[in-house]
Amino acid sequence: MDYLIIVILVCFSALFSGLTLGFFSLGKQDLERKAKLGNRQAEKVYQVRKDGNLLLCTLLIGNVAVNATLSIFLGSIGSGVVAGVIATSLIVVFGEIIPQSVFSRYALVLGAKFAWLVRLFIFVFYLICRPMAWILDKMLGREMPAIYSKKELIKIIEQHEDSQESDIDSDEEKIVKGALSYADKKVKDIMTPRTEMFCLPGKQELDHNTLKKIFSKGHSRIPVYENDRDNITGILYVKDLILNKNVTAGRAARANVIFTDPEQPLDDLLNAFKNTRQHLFIVSDEYGMVWGIVTIEDVLEEIIGSEIVDEFDQHEDLRKLAQEKTKYRSRGAINGVSA
């Protein structure tokens, strides 16, 4: 009979130890999120896990009580040294190592299966554990939620995409990473530089040759300037050319020119695009010098992580083209060659 009781006590020791590690390896916020998404196992575990200090006191008191009782029974059937060695071996191997290894791997599944039993333990030990849990709540406060930084979230997404158990693919990974990181960049990082801007002087006649040149560029909006490129006065919409023939670019252009700072963060820029319902801004500094242009397409490209190229684009990345031209000119100047 004593041996049967010892086996039962070892099983309960294993159960309390495994449940303690299993339940507290599951974050309360993660369980709540999964429960709201319809995960029945998470919902069962969350109902027990949400009061963390009460659960902790219940499981630890149960584990200590079982281990103490086990030591007493072992002492009654053997000498002190033998009983101590046997008790330590049983508790460490069968009461700690094995159950904790199992519960750490299958915490959600086993936690859901034993949730009803844990509720029973909470009811049995309630009068003892509730005051202790109340004191812990007052001393330590609520359980701190797990908050991740942007860089940590990006790493989590990368790990999920690399895992075979995850349903996140490479395209989704790229978009999520772009959405989390684009706000850290500024207008100057994505704009089309001044050297690659296609502009028209306001006095330019929209004759056949000019229209042909506009068509070859493939742009839907073209900045129009007076005297020099630092004095942008309008935006010429190519679709307006249907109704404006044989006039100057200045007369056909719309005057709703919006300027933005090269240091403006991209999340503010995207909000500005949405609020103004414009798709192209002129980038200029506090001295009125034009740096280039930026479009809503440039922002979207940063979010989705790849270039948006249509059938009219002659170059995939104008920023890269400008950098290559700058390097070429620099090498030409060093070698004494006119670039």
C-alpha atoms as a PDB file:
ATOM      1  CA  MET A   1       0.000   0.000   0.000  1.00  0.00           C
ATOM      2  CA  ASP A   2       2.850   2.389   0.839  1.00  0.00           C
ATOM      3  CA  TYR A   3       4.431   1.779  -2.555  1.00  0.00           C
ATOM      4  CA  LEU A   4       1.161   2.600  -4.319  1.00  0.00           C
ATOM      5  CA  ILE A   5       0.904   5.843  -2.373  1.00  0.00           C
ATOM      6  CA  ILE A   6       4.523   6.680  -3.302  1.00  0.00           C
ATOM      7  CA  VAL A   7       3.778   6.125  -6.987  1.00  0.00           C
ATOM      8  CA  ILE A   8       0.694   8.353  -6.748  1.00  0.00           C
ATOM      9  CA  LEU A   9       2.661  11.068  -4.951  1.00  0.00           C
ATOM     10  CA  VAL A  10       5.418  10.951  -7.588  1.00  0.00           C
ATOM     11  CA  CYS A  11       2.759  11.335 -10.301  1.00  0.00           C
ATOM     12  CA  PHE A  12       1.277  14.347  -8.526  1.00  0.00           C
ATOM     13  CA  SER A  13       4.749  15.832  -8.035  1.00  0.00           C
ATOM     14  CA  ALA A  14       5.384  15.439 -11.756  1.00  0.00           C
ATOM     15  CA  LEU A  15       2.001  16.968 -12.558  1.00  0.00           C
ATOM     16  CA  PHE A  16       2.489  20.050 -10.360  1.00  0.00           C
ATOM     17  CA  SER A  17       6.037  20.586 -11.623  1.00  0.00           C
ATOM     18  CA  GLY A  18       5.101  20.177 -15.275  1.00  0.00           C
ATOM     19  CA  LEU A  19       2.005  22.366 -14.984  1.00  0.00           C
ATOM     20  CA  THR A  20       4.018  25.148 -13.328  1.00  0.00           C
ATOM     21  CA  LEU A  21       6.549  25.273 -16.135  1.00  0.00           C
ATOM     22  CA  GLY A  22       3.947  24.684 -18.854  1.00  0.00           C
ATOM     23  CA  PHE A  23       1.483  27.362 -17.810  1.00  0.00           C
ATOM     24  CA  PHE A  24       4.093  30.020 -17.148  1.00  0.00           C
ATOM     25  CA  SER A  25       5.911  29.363 -20.410  1.00  0.00           C
ATOM     26  CA  LEU A  26       2.729  30.619 -22.106  1.00  0.00           C
ATOM     27  CA  GLY A  27       2.374  34.394 -22.126  1.00  0.00           C
ATOM     28  CA  LYS A  28      -0.962  35.719 -20.930  1.00  0.00           C
ATOM     29  CA  GLN A  29      -1.219  38.171 -23.840  1.00  0.00           C
ATOM     30  CA  ASP A  30      -0.386  35.443 -26.376  1.00  0.00           C
ATOM     31  CA  LEU A  31      -3.099  33.205 -24.938  1.00  0.00           C
ATOM     32  CA  GLU A  32      -5.641  36.019 -24.932  1.00  0.00           C
ATOM     33  CA  ARG A  33      -4.830  36.840 -28.561  1.00  0.00           C
ATOM     34  CA  LYS A  34      -5.136  33.212 -29.656  1.00  0.00           C
ATOM     35  CA  ALA A  35      -8.385  32.806 -27.702  1.00  0.00           C
ATOM     36  CA  LYS A  36      -9.889  35.815 -29.481  1.00  0.00           C
ATOM     37  CA  LEU A  37      -8.884  34.230 -32.793  1.00  0.00           C
ATOM     38  CA  GLY A  38     -10.919  31.130 -31.922  1.00  0.00           C
ATOM     39  CA  ASN A  39      -8.288  28.767 -30.502  1.00  0.00           C
ATOM     40  CA  ARG A  40     -10.233  26.576 -28.045  1.00  0.00           C
ATOM     41  CA  GLN A  41      -7.115  25.243 -26.305  1.00  0.00           C
ATOM     42  CA  ALA A  42      -5.817  28.749 -25.675  1.00  0.00           C
ATOM     43  CA  GLU A  43      -9.218  29.802 -24.348  1.00  0.00           C
ATOM     44  CA  LYS A  44      -9.206  26.976 -21.770  1.00  0.00           C
ATOM     45  CA  VAL A  45      -5.656  27.735 -20.646  1.00  0.00           C
ATOM     46  CA  TYR A  46      -6.248  31.496 -20.529  1.00  0.00           C
ATOM     47  CA  GLN A  47      -9.145  31.142 -18.084  1.00  0.00           C
ATOM     48  CA  VAL A  48      -6.699  29.585 -15.619  1.00  0.00           C
ATOM     49  CA  ARG A  49      -3.565  31.526 -16.578  1.00  0.00           C
ATOM     50  CA  LYS A  50      -5.040  35.049 -16.415  1.00  0.00           C
ATOM     51  CA  ASP A  51      -4.710  35.211 -12.600  1.00  0.00           C
ATOM     52  CA  GLY A  52      -0.984  34.464 -12.567  1.00  0.00           C
ATOM     53  CA  ASN A  53      -0.171  34.894  -8.876  1.00  0.00           C
ATOM     54  CA  LEU A  54      -3.106  32.751  -7.705  1.00  0.00           C
ATOM     55  CA  LEU A  55      -2.105  30.024 -10.168  1.00  0.00           C
ATOM     56  CA  LEU A  56       1.556  30.222  -9.113  1.00  0.00           C
ATOM     57  CA  CYS A  57       0.739  29.940  -5.394  1.00  0.00           C
ATOM     58  CA  THR A  58      -1.613  27.017  -6.007  1.00  0.00           C
ATOM     59  CA  LEU A  59       0.833  24.972  -8.060  1.00  0.00           C
ATOM     60  CA  LEU A  60       3.844  25.656  -5.823  1.00  0.00           C
ATOM     61  CA  ILE A  61       2.004  24.884  -2.594  1.00  0.00           C
ATOM     62  CA  GLY A  62       0.650  21.690  -4.132  1.00  0.00           C
ATOM     63  CA  ASN A  63       4.123  20.691  -5.318  1.00  0.00           C
ATOM     64  CA  VAL A  64       5.759  21.387  -1.951  1.00  0.00           C
ATOM     65  CA  ALA A  65       3.010  19.531  -0.072  1.00  0.00           C
ATOM     66  CA  VAL A  66       3.310  16.477  -2.333  1.00  0.00           C
ATOM     67  CA  ASN A  67       7.134  16.385  -2.129  1.00  0.00           C
ATOM     68  CA  ALA A  68       7.082  16.750   1.653  1.00  0.00           C
ATOM     69  CA  THR A  69       4.545  13.931   1.975  1.00  0.00           C
ATOM     70  CA  LEU A  70       6.616  11.771  -0.386  1.00  0.00           C
ATOM     71  CA  SER A  71       9.711  12.249   1.786  1.00  0.00           C
ATOM     72  CA  ILE A  72       7.739  11.202   4.893  1.00  0.00           C
ATOM     73  CA  PHE A  73       6.477   8.011   3.262  1.00  0.00           C
ATOM     74  CA  LEU A  74       9.936   7.115   1.971  1.00  0.00           C
ATOM     75  CA  GLY A  75      11.360   7.691   5.443  1.00  0.00           C
ATOM     76  CA  SER A  76       8.876   5.251   6.905  1.00  0.00           C
ATOM     77  CA  ILE A  77      10.103   2.383   4.706  1.00  0.00           C
ATOM     78  CA  GLY A  78      13.870   2.964   4.812  1.00  0.00           C
ATOM     79  CA  SER A  79      16.760   4.534   6.698  1.00  0.00           C
ATOM     80  CA  GLY A  80      17.328   8.277   6.609  1.00  0.00           C
ATOM     81  CA  VAL A  81      20.191   8.214   4.092  1.00  0.00           C
ATOM     82  CA  VAL A  82      18.515   5.673   1.802  1.00  0.00           C
ATOM     83  CA  ALA A  83      15.189   7.481   1.990  1.00  0.00           C
ATOM     84  CA  GLY A  84      16.907  10.778   1.217  1.00  0.00           C
ATOM     85  CA  VAL A  85      18.694   9.374  -1.840  1.00  0.00           C
ATOM     86  CA  ILE A  86      15.565   7.641  -3.141  1.00  0.00           C
ATOM     87  CA  ALA A  87      13.376  10.701  -2.519  1.00  0.00           C
ATOM     88  CA  THR A  88      15.845  13.013  -4.248  1.00  0.00           C
ATOM     89  CA  SER A  89      16.201  10.680  -7.231  1.00  0.00           C
ATOM     90  CA  LEU A  90      12.452  10.199  -7.660  1.00  0.00           C
ATOM     91  CA  ILE A  91      11.667  13.887  -7.297  1.00  0.00           C
ATOM     92  CA  VAL A  92      14.475  15.124  -9.561  1.00  0.00           C
ATOM     93  CA  VAL A  93      14.075  12.550 -12.346  1.00  0.00           C
ATOM     94  CA  PHE A  94      10.377  11.683 -12.333  1.00  0.00           C
ATOM     95  CA  GLY A  95       9.018  14.726 -10.546  1.00  0.00           C
ATOM     96  CA  GLU A  96      11.020  17.489 -12.260  1.00  0.00           C
ATOM     97  CA  ILE A  97      13.169  16.662 -15.304  1.00  0.00           C
ATOM     98  CA  ILE A  98      10.842  14.364 -17.258  1.00  0.00           C
ATOM     99  CA  PRO A  99       7.543  16.260 -16.705  1.00  0.00           C
ATOM    100  CA  GLN A 100       9.132  19.669 -17.314  1.00  0.00           C
ATOM    101  CA  SER A 101      10.712  18.411 -20.538  1.00  0.00           C
ATOM    102  CA  VAL A 102       7.341  17.143 -21.744  1.00  0.00           C
ATOM    103  CA  PHE A 103       5.291  20.163 -20.664  1.00  0.00           C
ATOM    104  CA  SER A 104       7.797  22.648 -22.113  1.00  0.00           C
ATOM    105  CA  ARG A 105       7.270  21.104 -25.570  1.00  0.00           C
ATOM    106  CA  TYR A 106       3.509  20.592 -25.411  1.00  0.00           C
ATOM    107  CA  ALA A 107       2.501  23.343 -22.997  1.00  0.00           C
ATOM    108  CA  LEU A 108      -0.655  24.471 -24.806  1.00  0.00           C
ATOM    109  CA  VAL A 109      -1.987  20.984 -25.547  1.00  0.00           C
ATOM    110  CA  LEU A 110      -1.335  19.557 -22.074  1.00  0.00           C
ATOM    111  CA  GLY A 111      -2.392  22.774 -20.380  1.00  0.00           C
ATOM    112  CA  ALA A 112      -5.780  22.595 -22.108  1.00  0.00           C
ATOM    113  CA  LYS A 113      -6.209  18.926 -21.110  1.00  0.00           C
ATOM    114  CA  PHE A 114      -5.424  19.562 -17.440  1.00  0.00           C
ATOM    115  CA  ALA A 115      -7.146  22.961 -17.121  1.00  0.00           C
ATOM    116  CA  TRP A 116     -10.126  21.407 -15.337  1.00  0.00           C
ATOM    117  CA  LEU A 117      -7.811  19.731 -12.802  1.00  0.00           C
ATOM    118  CA  VAL A 118      -5.945  22.973 -12.129  1.00  0.00           C
ATOM    119  CA  ARG A 119      -9.275  24.683 -11.433  1.00  0.00           C
ATOM    120  CA  LEU A 120      -9.977  21.944  -8.888  1.00  0.00           C
ATOM    121  CA  PHE A 121      -6.593  22.562  -7.232  1.00  0.00           C
ATOM    122  CA  ILE A 122      -7.326  26.307  -7.130  1.00  0.00           C
ATOM    123  CA  PHE A 123     -10.647  25.589  -5.392  1.00  0.00           C
ATOM    124  CA  VAL A 124      -9.023  23.240  -2.862  1.00  0.00           C
ATOM    125  CA  PHE A 125      -6.176  25.612  -1.940  1.00  0.00           C
ATOM    126  CA  TYR A 126      -8.159  28.833  -2.404  1.00  0.00           C
ATOM    127  CA  LEU A 127      -8.344  29.879   1.254  1.00  0.00           C
ATOM    128  CA  ILE A 128      -4.568  29.544   1.575  1.00  0.00           C
ATOM    129  CA  CYS A 129      -3.497  30.859  -1.837  1.00  0.00           C
ATOM    130  CA  ARG A 130      -5.871  33.808  -2.336  1.00  0.00           C
ATOM    131  CA  PRO A 131      -4.367  35.922   0.521  1.00  0.00           C
ATOM    132  CA  MET A 132      -0.847  35.137  -0.720  1.00  0.00           C
ATOM    133  CA  ALA A 133      -1.788  36.042  -4.300  1.00  0.00           C
ATOM    134  CA  TRP A 134      -3.401  39.283  -3.079  1.00  0.00           C
ATOM    135  CA  ILE A 135      -0.191  40.268  -1.280  1.00  0.00           C
ATOM    136  CA  LEU A 136       1.866  39.506  -4.401  1.00  0.00           C
ATOM    137  CA  ASP A 137      -0.524  41.577  -6.525  1.00  0.00           C
ATOM    138  CA  LYS A 138      -0.115  44.547  -4.196  1.00  0.00           C
ATOM    139  CA  MET A 139       3.667  44.205  -3.884  1.00  0.00           C
ATOM    140  CA  LEU A 140       4.562  43.416  -7.492  1.00  0.00           C
ATOM    141  CA  GLY A 141       1.615  44.826  -9.406  1.00  0.00           C
ATOM    142  CA  ARG A 142       0.098  43.303 -12.486  1.00  0.00           C
ATOM    143  CA  GLU A 143       2.019  40.915 -14.687  1.00  0.00           C
ATOM    144  CA  MET A 144       3.996  42.938 -17.221  1.00  0.00           C
ATOM    145  CA  PRO A 145       2.950  42.342 -20.848  1.00  0.00           C
ATOM    146  CA  ALA A 146       5.529  41.283 -23.415  1.00  0.00           C
ATOM    147  CA  ILE A 147       6.163  44.318 -25.645  1.00  0.00           C
ATOM    148  CA  TYR A 148       8.410  43.899 -28.677  1.00  0.00           C
ATOM    149  CA  SER A 149      10.388  46.562 -30.477  1.00  0.00           C
ATOM    150  CA  LYS A 150      10.168  46.931 -34.254  1.00  0.00           C
ATOM    151  CA  LYS A 151      13.494  45.163 -34.713  1.00  0.00           C
ATOM    152  CA  GLU A 152      12.331  42.278 -32.523  1.00  0.00           C
ATOM    153  CA  LEU A 153       9.085  41.976 -34.486  1.00  0.00           C
ATOM    154  CA  ILE A 154      11.057  41.882 -37.730  1.00  0.00           C
ATOM    155  CA  LYS A 155      13.223  39.076 -36.311  1.00  0.00           C
ATOM    156  CA  ILE A 156      10.092  37.185 -35.248  1.00  0.00           C
ATOM    157  CA  ILE A 157       8.672  37.503 -38.767  1.00  0.00           C
ATOM    158  CA  GLU A 158      11.968  36.261 -40.247  1.00  0.00           C
ATOM    159  CA  GLN A 159      11.972  33.247 -37.913  1.00  0.00           C
ATOM    160  CA  HIS A 160       8.359  32.440 -38.793  1.00  0.00           C
ATOM    161  CA  GLU A 161       9.077  32.625 -42.513  1.00  0.00           C
ATOM    162  CA  ASP A 162      12.047  30.266 -42.078  1.00  0.00           C
ATOM    163  CA  SER A 163       9.956  27.775 -40.090  1.00  0.00           C
ATOM    164  CA  GLN A 164       8.102  25.014 -41.922  1.00  0.00           C
ATOM    165  CA  GLU A 165       5.298  25.142 -39.342  1.00  0.00           C
ATOM    166  CA  SER A 166       4.486  28.779 -40.197  1.00  0.00           C
ATOM    167  CA  ASP A 167       2.132  29.865 -43.009  1.00  0.00           C
ATOM    168  CA  ILE A 168       4.020  33.141 -43.609  1.00  0.00           C
ATOM    169  CA  ASP A 169       5.652  33.205 -47.053  1.00  0.00           C
ATOM    170  CA  SER A 170       8.538  35.309 -48.347  1.00  0.00           C
ATOM    171  CA  ASP A 171       6.292  37.943 -49.977  1.00  0.00           C
ATOM    172  CA  GLU A 172       4.344  38.489 -46.758  1.00  0.00           C
ATOM    173  CA  GLU A 173       7.608  38.674 -44.823  1.00  0.00           C
ATOM    174  CA  LYS A 174       8.892  41.368 -47.163  1.00  0.00           C
ATOM    175  CA  ILE A 175       5.711  43.463 -46.867  1.00  0.00           C
ATOM    176  CA  VAL A 176       5.505  43.217 -43.070  1.00  0.00           C
ATOM    177  CA  LYS A 177       9.183  44.122 -42.701  1.00  0.00           C
ATOM    178  CA  GLY A 178       8.698  47.077 -45.035  1.00  0.00           C
ATOM    179  CA  ALA A 179       5.643  48.297 -43.120  1.00  0.00           C
ATOM    180  CA  LEU A 180       7.548  48.135 -39.833  1.00  0.00           C
ATOM    181  CA  SER A 181      10.697  49.842 -41.084  1.00  0.00           C
ATOM    182  CA  TYR A 182       9.553  52.435 -43.649  1.00  0.00           C
ATOM    183  CA  ALA A 183       8.739  55.052 -40.983  1.00  0.00           C
ATOM    184  CA  ASP A 184      12.418  55.064 -39.947  1.00  0.00           C
ATOM    185  CA  LYS A 185      13.409  56.385 -43.365  1.00  0.00           C
ATOM    186  CA  LYS A 186      13.139  59.946 -44.656  1.00  0.00           C
ATOM    187  CA  VAL A 187      12.098  61.616 -47.880  1.00  0.00           C
ATOM    188  CA  LYS A 188      15.695  62.082 -49.015  1.00  0.00           C
ATOM    189  CA  ASP A 189      16.189  58.297 -48.855  1.00  0.00           C
ATOM    190  CA  ILE A 190      13.529  57.503 -51.463  1.00  0.00           C
ATOM    191  CA  MET A 191      13.139  60.619 -53.622  1.00  0.00           C
ATOM    192  CA  THR A 192      14.018  60.852 -57.285  1.00  0.00           C
ATOM    193  CA  PRO A 193      17.023  63.204 -57.244  1.00  0.00           C
ATOM    194  CA  ARG A 194      17.077  66.515 -59.067  1.00  0.00           C
ATOM    195  CA  THR A 195      19.453  65.180 -61.714  1.00  0.00           C
ATOM    196  CA  GLU A 196      16.845  62.639 -62.857  1.00  0.00           C
ATOM    197  CA  MET A 197      13.819  64.956 -62.686  1.00  0.00           C
ATOM    198  CA  PHE A 198      11.995  65.492 -65.942  1.00  0.00           C
ATOM    199  CA  CYS A 199      10.721  69.090 -65.885  1.00  0.00           C
ATOM    200  CA  LEU A 200       9.412  71.546 -68.435  1.00  0.00           C
ATOM    201  CA  PRO A 201       9.836  75.332 -68.513  1.00  0.00           C
ATOM    202  CA  GLY A 202       6.566  77.226 -68.273  1.00  0.00           C
ATOM    203  CA  LYS A 203       7.148  78.864 -71.660  1.00  0.00           C
ATOM    204  CA  GLN A 204       7.614  75.543 -73.420  1.00  0.00           C
ATOM    205  CA  GLU A 205       5.158  75.127 -76.268  1.00  0.00           C
ATOM    206  CA  LEU A 206       3.316  71.819 -76.156  1.00  0.00           C
ATOM    207  CA  ASP A 207       3.992  71.121 -79.812  1.00  0.00           C
ATOM    208  CA  HIS A 208       4.333  67.748 -81.470  1.00  0.00           C
ATOM    209  CA  ASN A 209       7.999  67.271 -80.539  1.00  0.00           C
ATOM    210  CA  THR A 210       7.364  68.164 -76.888  1.00  0.00           C
ATOM    211  CA  LEU A 211       4.365  65.847 -76.677  1.00  0.00           C
ATOM    212  CA  LYS A 212       6.440  63.088 -78.227  1.00  0.00           C
ATOM    213  CA  LYS A 213       9.148  63.624 -75.619  1.00  0.00           C
ATOM    214  CA  ILE A 214       6.585  63.609 -72.792  1.00  0.00           C
ATOM    215  CA  PHE A 215       5.119  60.390 -74.115  1.00  0.00           C
ATOM    216  CA  SER A 216       8.554  58.750 -74.300  1.00  0.00           C
ATOM    217  CA  LYS A 217       9.260  59.549 -70.628  1.00  0.00           C
ATOM    218  CA  GLY A 218       6.120  57.744 -69.470  1.00  0.00           C
ATOM    219  CA  HIS A 219       5.391  60.089 -66.523  1.00  0.00           C
ATOM    220  CA  SER A 220       1.827  60.987 -65.551  1.00  0.00           C
ATOM    221  CA  ARG A 221       2.815  64.220 -63.742  1.00  0.00           C
ATOM    222  CA  ILE A 222       5.550  66.644 -64.782  1.00  0.00           C
ATOM    223  CA  PRO A 223       6.844  69.615 -62.726  1.00  0.00           C
ATOM    224  CA  VAL A 224       6.769  72.970 -64.538  1.00  0.00           C
ATOM    225  CA  TYR A 225       9.163  75.759 -63.595  1.00  0.00           C
ATOM    226  CA  GLU A 226       9.762  79.436 -64.370  1.00  0.00           C
ATOM    227  CA  ASN A 227      13.318  80.662 -65.092  1.00  0.00           C
ATOM    228  CA  ASP A 228      15.086  77.839 -63.169  1.00  0.00           C
ATOM    229  CA  ARG A 229      14.328  74.501 -61.580  1.00  0.00           C
ATOM    230  CA  ASP A 230      14.283  75.951 -58.067  1.00  0.00           C
ATOM    231  CA  ASN A 231      11.104  77.838 -58.983  1.00  0.00           C
ATOM    232  CA  ILE A 232       8.515  75.117 -59.544  1.00  0.00           C
ATOM    233  CA  THR A 233       5.195  76.818 -60.301  1.00  0.00           C
ATOM    234  CA  GLY A 234       2.917  73.979 -61.341  1.00  0.00           C
ATOM    235  CA  ILE A 235       2.378  70.328 -62.097  1.00  0.00           C
ATOM    236  CA  LEU A 236       1.463  69.276 -65.613  1.00  0.00           C
ATOM    237  CA  TYR A 237      -0.902  66.312 -65.667  1.00  0.00           C
ATOM    238  CA  VAL A 238      -0.405  64.331 -68.860  1.00  0.00           C
ATOM    239  CA  LYS A 239      -4.105  63.492 -69.043  1.00  0.00           C
ATOM    240  CA  ASP A 240      -4.858  67.235 -69.219  1.00  0.00           C
ATOM    241  CA  LEU A 241      -2.999  67.393 -72.532  1.00  0.00           C
ATOM    242  CA  ILE A 242      -6.060  65.885 -74.186  1.00  0.00           C
ATOM    243  CA  LEU A 243      -7.868  69.192 -73.647  1.00  0.00           C
ATOM    244  CA  ASN A 244      -4.831  71.498 -73.871  1.00  0.00           C
ATOM    245  CA  LYS A 245      -3.180  71.539 -77.271  1.00  0.00           C
ATOM    246  CA  ASN A 246      -0.920  74.165 -78.767  1.00  0.00           C
ATOM    247  CA  VAL A 247      -0.516  75.983 -75.438  1.00  0.00           C
ATOM    248  CA  THR A 248       2.464  76.463 -73.167  1.00  0.00           C
ATOM    249  CA  ALA A 249       3.301  74.071 -70.357  1.00  0.00           C
ATOM    250  CA  GLY A 250       2.701  76.861 -67.843  1.00  0.00           C
ATOM    251  CA  ARG A 251      -0.872  77.414 -68.992  1.00  0.00           C
ATOM    252  CA  ALA A 252      -1.679  73.700 -69.054  1.00  0.00           C
ATOM    253  CA  ALA A 253      -0.121  73.005 -65.631  1.00  0.00           C
ATOM    254  CA  ARG A 254      -2.095  72.998 -62.390  1.00  0.00           C
ATOM    255  CA  ALA A 255      -0.909  75.374 -59.696  1.00  0.00           C
ATOM    256  CA  ASN A 256      -1.414  72.977 -56.763  1.00  0.00           C
ATOM    257  CA  VAL A 257       2.282  72.409 -56.095  1.00  0.00           C
ATOM    258  CA  ILE A 258       3.075  70.906 -52.684  1.00  0.00           C
ATOM    259  CA  PHE A 259       6.591  71.045 -51.242  1.00  0.00           C
ATOM    260  CA  THR A 260       8.045  68.704 -48.655  1.00  0.00           C
ATOM    261  CA  ASP A 261      11.213  68.660 -46.597  1.00  0.00           C
ATOM    262  CA  PRO A 262      13.941  66.092 -47.375  1.00  0.00           C
ATOM    263  CA  GLU A 263      14.125  65.243 -43.647  1.00  0.00           C
ATOM    264  CA  GLN A 264      10.420  64.406 -43.320  1.00  0.00           C
ATOM    265  CA  PRO A 265       9.766  60.818 -42.075  1.00  0.00           C
ATOM    266  CA  LEU A 266       7.950  58.566 -44.520  1.00  0.00           C
ATOM    267  CA  ASP A 267       4.960  57.891 -42.249  1.00  0.00           C
ATOM    268  CA  ASP A 268       4.281  61.642 -42.110  1.00  0.00           C
ATOM    269  CA  LEU A 269       4.786  61.831 -45.855  1.00  0.00           C
ATOM    270  CA  LEU A 270       2.229  59.067 -46.475  1.00  0.00           C
ATOM    271  CA  ASN A 271      -0.307  60.876 -44.278  1.00  0.00           C
ATOM    272  CA  ALA A 272       0.364  64.076 -46.231  1.00  0.00           C
ATOM    273  CA  PHE A 273      -0.317  62.255 -49.499  1.00  0.00           C
ATOM    274  CA  LYS A 274      -3.601  60.929 -48.126  1.00  0.00           C
ATOM    275  CA  ASN A 275      -4.705  64.268 -46.667  1.00  0.00           C
ATOM    276  CA  THR A 276      -3.903  66.335 -49.766  1.00  0.00           C
ATOM    277  CA  ARG A 277      -4.986  63.663 -52.264  1.00  0.00           C
ATOM    278  CA  GLN A 278      -1.869  64.439 -54.287  1.00  0.00           C
ATOM    279  CA  HIS A 279       0.550  61.839 -55.620  1.00  0.00           C
ATOM    280  CA  LEU A 280       3.651  63.960 -56.243  1.00  0.00           C
ATOM    281  CA  PHE A 281       5.490  66.398 -53.979  1.00  0.00           C
ATOM    282  CA  ILE A 282       8.470  68.622 -54.739  1.00  0.00           C
ATOM    283  CA  VAL A 283      11.349  68.077 -52.314  1.00  0.00           C
ATOM    284  CA  SER A 284      13.049  71.326 -51.321  1.00  0.00           C
ATOM    285  CA  ASP A 285      15.031  72.625 -48.358  1.00  0.00           C
ATOM    286  CA  GLU A 286      14.594  75.731 -46.219  1.00  0.00           C
ATOM    287  CA  TYR A 287      16.550  77.787 -48.740  1.00  0.00           C
ATOM    288  CA  GLY A 288      14.154  76.977 -51.571  1.00  0.00           C
ATOM    289  CA  MET A 289      16.588  74.697 -53.403  1.00  0.00           C
ATOM    290  CA  VAL A 290      14.877  71.789 -55.119  1.00  0.00           C
ATOM    291  CA  TRP A 291      16.354  68.388 -54.232  1.00  0.00           C
ATOM    292  CA  GLY A 292      14.063  66.252 -56.346  1.00  0.00           C
ATOM    293  CA  ILE A 293      10.572  64.805 -56.381  1.00  0.00           C
ATOM    294  CA  VAL A 294       8.840  62.121 -54.323  1.00  0.00           C
ATOM    295  CA  THR A 295       5.663  60.232 -55.163  1.00  0.00           C
ATOM    296  CA  ILE A 296       3.247  58.048 -53.267  1.00  0.00           C
ATOM    297  CA  GLU A 297       4.550  55.198 -55.391  1.00  0.00           C
ATOM    298  CA  ASP A 298       8.003  55.680 -53.818  1.00  0.00           C
ATOM    299  CA  VAL A 299       6.484  55.211 -50.352  1.00  0.00           C
ATOM    300  CA  LEU A 300       4.535  52.129 -51.399  1.00  0.00           C
ATOM    301  CA  GLU A 301       7.696  50.626 -52.842  1.00  0.00           C
ATOM    302  CA  GLU A 302       9.380  50.960 -49.450  1.00  0.00           C
ATOM    303  CA  ILE A 303       6.432  49.227 -47.780  1.00  0.00           C
ATOM    304  CA  ILE A 304       6.169  46.273 -50.172  1.00  0.00           C
ATOM    305  CA  GLY A 305       9.950  45.980 -50.443  1.00  0.00           C
ATOM    306  CA  SER A 306      10.267  46.043 -54.225  1.00  0.00           C
ATOM    307  CA  GLU A 307      10.063  48.435 -57.168  1.00  0.00           C
ATOM    308  CA  ILE A 308       6.693  49.043 -58.825  1.00  0.00           C
ATOM    309  CA  VAL A 309       7.422  49.076 -62.545  1.00  0.00           C
ATOM    310  CA  ASP A 310       4.780  49.600 -65.221  1.00  0.00           C
ATOM    311  CA  GLU A 311       4.960  49.284 -68.994  1.00  0.00           C
ATOM    312  CA  PHE A 312       5.949  52.946 -69.397  1.00  0.00           C
ATOM    313  CA  ASP A 313       8.933  52.995 -67.007  1.00  0.00           C
ATOM    314  CA  GLN A 314      12.279  53.215 -68.772  1.00  0.00           C
ATOM    315  CA  HIS A 315      14.323  52.584 -65.610  1.00  0.00           C
ATOM    316  CA  GLU A 316      13.467  50.433 -62.635  1.00  0.00           C
ATOM    317  CA  ASP A 317      15.157  52.672 -60.040  1.00  0.00           C
ATOM    318  CA  LEU A 318      15.959  56.308 -60.846  1.00  0.00           C
ATOM    319  CA  ARG A 319      17.820  56.772 -57.561  1.00  0.00           C
ATOM    320  CA  LYS A 320      20.167  53.958 -58.456  1.00  0.00           C
ATOM    321  CA  LEU A 321      20.578  55.399 -61.948  1.00  0.00           C
ATOM    322  CA  ALA A 322      21.536  58.799 -60.480  1.00  0.00           C
ATOM    323  CA  GLN A 323      24.091  57.153 -58.174  1.00  0.00           C
ATOM    324  CA  GLU A 324      25.648  55.283 -61.079  1.00  0.00           C
ATOM    325  CA  LYS A 325      25.896  58.489 -63.104  1.00  0.00           C
ATOM    326  CA  THR A 326      27.520  60.270 -60.159  1.00  0.00           C
ATOM    327  CA  LYS A 327      30.111  57.499 -59.819  1.00  0.00           C
ATOM    328  CA  TYR A 328      30.780  57.621 -63.554  1.00  0.00           C
ATOM    329  CA  ARG A 329      31.294  61.404 -63.471  1.00  0.00           C
ATOM    330  CA  SER A 330      33.584  61.053 -60.457  1.00  0.00           C
ATOM    331  CA  ARG A 331      35.735  58.452 -62.199  1.00  0.00           C
ATOM    332  CA  GLY A 332      35.814  60.621 -65.316  1.00  0.00           C
ATOM    333  CA  ALA A 333      37.003  63.641 -63.320  1.00  0.00           C
ATOM    334  CA  ILE A 334      39.732  61.601 -61.669  1.00  0.00           C
ATOM    335  CA  ASN A 335      40.938  60.201 -64.976  1.00  0.00           C
ATOM    336  CA  GLY A 336      40.765  63.586 -66.713  1.00  0.00           C
ATOM    337  CA  VAL A 337      37.933  62.457 -68.940  1.00  0.00           C
ATOM    338  CA  SER A 338      34.899  64.628 -69.625  1.00  0.00           C
ATOM    339  CA  ALA A 339      31.833  62.694 -68.460  1.00  0.00           C
END
